[in-house]
């Protein structure tokens, strides 16, 4: 299954990662302010490696995460899409805004909605694993029509959290 290479929304462009996006990602992932639920903070080398892996998943699986940028064509300020690191784990929809100044504007929901819809067209369902204290991401999942499913196990890298499931309408 492949996803469209680029998705346009009213305010955003979801596009492949570019090297010019790396600095914004590093500022986010190395700061640690908002990265506890995703394994951060990380030193520069490890954060760069994660960035490269996000970009590389597209070549290996035909789907992955997009860089989120506004329609003016600037640098990305987040990412969204399907993360599928381990073959024995379910593909997961993820969304992250790197810059806290971009939060509260509906960008995460606006970006995740078409990425999730494209995935659901051929797969029927998708999960999202969210840390218990991440109320903002829980609200995004709910706005996307996802519902908590306590019967699904958490991934081995997440000690506490909630699993949400989205299904095709």
C-alpha atoms as a PDB file:
ATOM      1  CA  UNK A   1       0.000   0.000   0.000  1.00  0.00           C
ATOM      2  CA  UNK A   2       1.368   3.383  -0.871  1.00  0.00           C
ATOM      3  CA  UNK A   3       0.137   6.733   0.367  1.00  0.00           C
ATOM      4  CA  UNK A   4       0.008   9.837  -1.824  1.00  0.00           C
ATOM      5  CA  UNK A   5       3.428  11.519  -1.923  1.00  0.00           C
ATOM      6  CA  UNK A   6       1.944  14.900  -0.981  1.00  0.00           C
ATOM      7  CA  UNK A   7      -1.367  15.920   0.597  1.00  0.00           C
ATOM      8  CA  UNK A   8      -2.781  19.435   0.614  1.00  0.00           C
ATOM      9  CA  UNK A   9      -5.253  20.698   3.211  1.00  0.00           C
ATOM     10  CA  UNK A  10      -6.809  24.124   3.611  1.00  0.00           C
ATOM     11  CA  UNK A  11      -3.734  25.519   5.403  1.00  0.00           C
ATOM     12  CA  UNK A  12      -1.077  22.816   5.205  1.00  0.00           C
ATOM     13  CA  UNK A  13       1.119  20.816   2.885  1.00  0.00           C
ATOM     14  CA  UNK A  14       2.040  17.276   3.945  1.00  0.00           C
ATOM     15  CA  UNK A  15       5.158  16.463   1.962  1.00  0.00           C
ATOM     16  CA  UNK A  16       8.342  14.409   1.978  1.00  0.00           C
ATOM     17  CA  UNK A  17      11.018  15.433   4.461  1.00  0.00           C
ATOM     18  CA  UNK A  18      13.764  17.717   3.221  1.00  0.00           C
ATOM     19  CA  UNK A  19      17.151  18.455   4.759  1.00  0.00           C
ATOM     20  CA  UNK A  20      15.987  21.995   5.541  1.00  0.00           C
ATOM     21  CA  UNK A  21      13.502  20.443   8.028  1.00  0.00           C
ATOM     22  CA  UNK A  22      16.237  18.835  10.114  1.00  0.00           C
ATOM     23  CA  UNK A  23      17.025  21.873  12.282  1.00  0.00           C
ATOM     24  CA  UNK A  24      13.400  22.217  13.409  1.00  0.00           C
ATOM     25  CA  UNK A  25      13.224  18.520  14.231  1.00  0.00           C
ATOM     26  CA  UNK A  26      16.505  18.647  16.155  1.00  0.00           C
ATOM     27  CA  UNK A  27      15.357  21.670  18.157  1.00  0.00           C
ATOM     28  CA  UNK A  28      12.251  19.693  19.136  1.00  0.00           C
ATOM     29  CA  UNK A  29      13.821  16.291  19.800  1.00  0.00           C
ATOM     30  CA  UNK A  30      16.937  17.474  21.600  1.00  0.00           C
ATOM     31  CA  UNK A  31      15.093  19.892  23.901  1.00  0.00           C
ATOM     32  CA  UNK A  32      13.198  17.230  25.815  1.00  0.00           C
ATOM     33  CA  UNK A  33      10.423  19.648  26.729  1.00  0.00           C
ATOM     34  CA  UNK A  34       7.777  17.633  24.878  1.00  0.00           C
ATOM     35  CA  UNK A  35       9.565  14.425  23.900  1.00  0.00           C
ATOM     36  CA  UNK A  36       9.237  12.246  27.014  1.00  0.00           C
ATOM     37  CA  UNK A  37       6.426  10.166  25.520  1.00  0.00           C
ATOM     38  CA  UNK A  38       8.420   9.426  22.375  1.00  0.00           C
ATOM     39  CA  UNK A  39      11.778   8.485  23.844  1.00  0.00           C
ATOM     40  CA  UNK A  40      13.420  11.891  24.047  1.00  0.00           C
ATOM     41  CA  UNK A  41      15.346  13.915  24.578  1.00  0.00           C
ATOM     42  CA  UNK A  42      18.125  12.493  22.437  1.00  0.00           C
ATOM     43  CA  UNK A  43      21.623  13.686  21.553  1.00  0.00           C
ATOM     44  CA  UNK A  44      22.041  15.245  18.109  1.00  0.00           C
ATOM     45  CA  UNK A  45      23.343  12.080  16.435  1.00  0.00           C
ATOM     46  CA  UNK A  46      20.421   9.945  17.684  1.00  0.00           C
ATOM     47  CA  UNK A  47      17.835  12.600  16.854  1.00  0.00           C
ATOM     48  CA  UNK A  48      19.303  12.960  13.349  1.00  0.00           C
ATOM     49  CA  UNK A  49      19.180   9.185  12.934  1.00  0.00           C
ATOM     50  CA  UNK A  50      15.459   9.179  13.879  1.00  0.00           C
ATOM     51  CA  UNK A  51      14.779  11.938  11.351  1.00  0.00           C
ATOM     52  CA  UNK A  52      16.557   9.958   8.630  1.00  0.00           C
ATOM     53  CA  UNK A  53      14.618   6.814   9.582  1.00  0.00           C
ATOM     54  CA  UNK A  54      11.305   8.664   9.222  1.00  0.00           C
ATOM     55  CA  UNK A  55      12.295   9.746   5.726  1.00  0.00           C
ATOM     56  CA  UNK A  56      13.633   6.280   4.858  1.00  0.00           C
ATOM     57  CA  UNK A  57      10.522   4.339   5.851  1.00  0.00           C
ATOM     58  CA  UNK A  58       8.892   5.586   2.651  1.00  0.00           C
ATOM     59  CA  UNK A  59      11.523   3.845   0.511  1.00  0.00           C
ATOM     60  CA  UNK A  60      11.257   0.605   2.473  1.00  0.00           C
ATOM     61  CA  UNK A  61       7.486   0.317   2.977  1.00  0.00           C
ATOM     62  CA  UNK A  62       5.871   2.676   0.470  1.00  0.00           C
ATOM     63  CA  UNK A  63       4.248   4.698   3.252  1.00  0.00           C
ATOM     64  CA  UNK A  64       5.368   6.668   6.262  1.00  0.00           C
ATOM     65  CA  UNK A  65       5.227  10.050   7.901  1.00  0.00           C
ATOM     66  CA  UNK A  66       4.976  13.402   6.199  1.00  0.00           C
ATOM     67  CA  UNK A  67       6.621  16.686   7.052  1.00  0.00           C
ATOM     68  CA  UNK A  68       3.928  19.209   8.005  1.00  0.00           C
ATOM     69  CA  UNK A  69       4.455  22.726   6.641  1.00  0.00           C
ATOM     70  CA  UNK A  70       2.182  25.644   5.931  1.00  0.00           C
ATOM     71  CA  UNK A  71       1.213  26.288   2.324  1.00  0.00           C
ATOM     72  CA  UNK A  72       3.758  29.081   1.919  1.00  0.00           C
ATOM     73  CA  UNK A  73       6.379  26.395   1.337  1.00  0.00           C
ATOM     74  CA  UNK A  74       8.427  26.998   4.457  1.00  0.00           C
ATOM     75  CA  UNK A  75      10.261  24.579   6.674  1.00  0.00           C
ATOM     76  CA  UNK A  76       8.276  21.879   8.404  1.00  0.00           C
ATOM     77  CA  UNK A  77       7.008  22.433  11.936  1.00  0.00           C
ATOM     78  CA  UNK A  78       5.822  18.873  12.582  1.00  0.00           C
ATOM     79  CA  UNK A  79       5.219  15.417  11.199  1.00  0.00           C
ATOM     80  CA  UNK A  80       2.212  13.149  10.727  1.00  0.00           C
ATOM     81  CA  UNK A  81       1.514   9.786   9.165  1.00  0.00           C
ATOM     82  CA  UNK A  82       2.032   6.078   9.558  1.00  0.00           C
ATOM     83  CA  UNK A  83       4.873   4.752  11.708  1.00  0.00           C
ATOM     84  CA  UNK A  84       5.662   1.065  11.203  1.00  0.00           C
ATOM     85  CA  UNK A  85       9.008   0.211  12.736  1.00  0.00           C
ATOM     86  CA  UNK A  86       8.608  -3.456  13.704  1.00  0.00           C
ATOM     87  CA  UNK A  87       6.993  -6.064  11.458  1.00  0.00           C
ATOM     88  CA  UNK A  88       5.162  -7.695  14.376  1.00  0.00           C
ATOM     89  CA  UNK A  89       3.580  -4.387  15.483  1.00  0.00           C
ATOM     90  CA  UNK A  90       0.515  -2.730  14.015  1.00  0.00           C
ATOM     91  CA  UNK A  91       1.134   0.352  11.899  1.00  0.00           C
ATOM     92  CA  UNK A  92       0.377   3.436  13.986  1.00  0.00           C
ATOM     93  CA  UNK A  93      -0.805   6.911  13.054  1.00  0.00           C
ATOM     94  CA  UNK A  94       1.315   9.570  14.720  1.00  0.00           C
ATOM     95  CA  UNK A  95       1.221  13.349  14.853  1.00  0.00           C
ATOM     96  CA  UNK A  96       3.686  15.748  16.402  1.00  0.00           C
ATOM     97  CA  UNK A  97       4.074  19.500  16.240  1.00  0.00           C
ATOM     98  CA  UNK A  98       7.720  20.332  16.864  1.00  0.00           C
ATOM     99  CA  UNK A  99       7.201  23.987  17.650  1.00  0.00           C
ATOM    100  CA  UNK A 100       4.987  24.701  20.695  1.00  0.00           C
ATOM    101  CA  UNK A 101       3.998  28.009  19.072  1.00  0.00           C
ATOM    102  CA  UNK A 102       2.071  25.970  16.469  1.00  0.00           C
ATOM    103  CA  UNK A 103      -0.063  24.133  19.046  1.00  0.00           C
ATOM    104  CA  UNK A 104      -3.661  25.108  19.691  1.00  0.00           C
ATOM    105  CA  UNK A 105      -4.345  26.012  16.053  1.00  0.00           C
ATOM    106  CA  UNK A 106      -5.899  22.705  14.954  1.00  0.00           C
ATOM    107  CA  UNK A 107      -2.883  21.809  12.812  1.00  0.00           C
ATOM    108  CA  UNK A 108      -2.411  18.306  14.261  1.00  0.00           C
ATOM    109  CA  UNK A 109      -6.016  17.349  13.536  1.00  0.00           C
ATOM    110  CA  UNK A 110      -5.975  19.015  10.109  1.00  0.00           C
ATOM    111  CA  UNK A 111      -2.816  17.119   9.156  1.00  0.00           C
ATOM    112  CA  UNK A 112      -3.770  13.746  10.660  1.00  0.00           C
ATOM    113  CA  UNK A 113      -7.254  13.580   9.163  1.00  0.00           C
ATOM    114  CA  UNK A 114      -6.292  13.130   5.476  1.00  0.00           C
ATOM    115  CA  UNK A 115      -3.260  10.976   6.292  1.00  0.00           C
ATOM    116  CA  UNK A 116      -5.466   8.659   8.359  1.00  0.00           C
ATOM    117  CA  UNK A 117      -8.220   8.633   5.709  1.00  0.00           C
ATOM    118  CA  UNK A 118      -5.735   7.618   3.005  1.00  0.00           C
ATOM    119  CA  UNK A 119      -4.528   4.728   5.187  1.00  0.00           C
ATOM    120  CA  UNK A 120      -8.032   3.581   6.127  1.00  0.00           C
ATOM    121  CA  UNK A 121      -9.090   3.342   2.467  1.00  0.00           C
ATOM    122  CA  UNK A 122      -7.079   0.160   2.073  1.00  0.00           C
ATOM    123  CA  UNK A 123      -6.457  -1.049   5.620  1.00  0.00           C
ATOM    124  CA  UNK A 124      -9.739  -0.547   7.446  1.00  0.00           C
ATOM    125  CA  UNK A 125      -8.213   0.375  10.808  1.00  0.00           C
ATOM    126  CA  UNK A 126      -5.264   2.095  12.439  1.00  0.00           C
ATOM    127  CA  UNK A 127      -4.078   2.524  16.016  1.00  0.00           C
ATOM    128  CA  UNK A 128      -2.554   5.404  17.948  1.00  0.00           C
ATOM    129  CA  UNK A 129      -0.669   4.897  21.217  1.00  0.00           C
ATOM    130  CA  UNK A 130      -0.816   7.962  23.451  1.00  0.00           C
ATOM    131  CA  UNK A 131       0.781   8.573  26.854  1.00  0.00           C
ATOM    132  CA  UNK A 132      -1.758   8.910  29.694  1.00  0.00           C
ATOM    133  CA  UNK A 133      -0.869  12.541  30.431  1.00  0.00           C
ATOM    134  CA  UNK A 134      -0.975  13.745  26.819  1.00  0.00           C
ATOM    135  CA  UNK A 135      -4.436  15.318  26.865  1.00  0.00           C
ATOM    136  CA  UNK A 136      -3.818  17.300  23.661  1.00  0.00           C
ATOM    137  CA  UNK A 137      -3.092  14.149  21.624  1.00  0.00           C
ATOM    138  CA  UNK A 138      -6.034  12.362  23.232  1.00  0.00           C
ATOM    139  CA  UNK A 139      -8.290  15.199  22.025  1.00  0.00           C
ATOM    140  CA  UNK A 140      -6.813  14.928  18.507  1.00  0.00           C
ATOM    141  CA  UNK A 141      -7.541  11.173  18.479  1.00  0.00           C
ATOM    142  CA  UNK A 142     -11.123  11.845  19.546  1.00  0.00           C
ATOM    143  CA  UNK A 143     -11.557  14.577  16.895  1.00  0.00           C
ATOM    144  CA  UNK A 144     -10.371  12.018  14.338  1.00  0.00           C
ATOM    145  CA  UNK A 145     -13.173   9.682  15.429  1.00  0.00           C
ATOM    146  CA  UNK A 146     -10.830   7.250  17.171  1.00  0.00           C
ATOM    147  CA  UNK A 147     -11.972   5.406  20.296  1.00  0.00           C
ATOM    148  CA  UNK A 148      -9.994   3.999  23.196  1.00  0.00           C
ATOM    149  CA  UNK A 149      -9.547   0.231  23.140  1.00  0.00           C
ATOM    150  CA  UNK A 150      -8.167  -1.029  26.468  1.00  0.00           C
ATOM    151  CA  UNK A 151      -8.080  -4.607  25.141  1.00  0.00           C
ATOM    152  CA  UNK A 152      -5.189  -3.801  22.774  1.00  0.00           C
ATOM    153  CA  UNK A 153      -1.717  -4.147  24.247  1.00  0.00           C
ATOM    154  CA  UNK A 154       0.632  -1.206  24.393  1.00  0.00           C
ATOM    155  CA  UNK A 155       3.854  -1.448  22.386  1.00  0.00           C
ATOM    156  CA  UNK A 156       6.869  -2.684  24.334  1.00  0.00           C
ATOM    157  CA  UNK A 157       8.460   0.780  24.240  1.00  0.00           C
ATOM    158  CA  UNK A 158       5.512   2.435  26.040  1.00  0.00           C
ATOM    159  CA  UNK A 159       5.106   1.680  29.732  1.00  0.00           C
ATOM    160  CA  UNK A 160       1.862   3.563  30.312  1.00  0.00           C
ATOM    161  CA  UNK A 161      -0.602   4.862  27.814  1.00  0.00           C
ATOM    162  CA  UNK A 162      -3.824   4.451  25.953  1.00  0.00           C
ATOM    163  CA  UNK A 163      -4.501   2.763  22.636  1.00  0.00           C
ATOM    164  CA  UNK A 164      -6.976   4.426  20.307  1.00  0.00           C
ATOM    165  CA  UNK A 165      -8.385   2.730  17.217  1.00  0.00           C
ATOM    166  CA  UNK A 166      -9.744   4.393  14.120  1.00  0.00           C
ATOM    167  CA  UNK A 167     -11.774   2.500  11.556  1.00  0.00           C
ATOM    168  CA  UNK A 168     -13.047   3.203   8.086  1.00  0.00           C
ATOM    169  CA  UNK A 169     -16.567   4.623   8.123  1.00  0.00           C
END
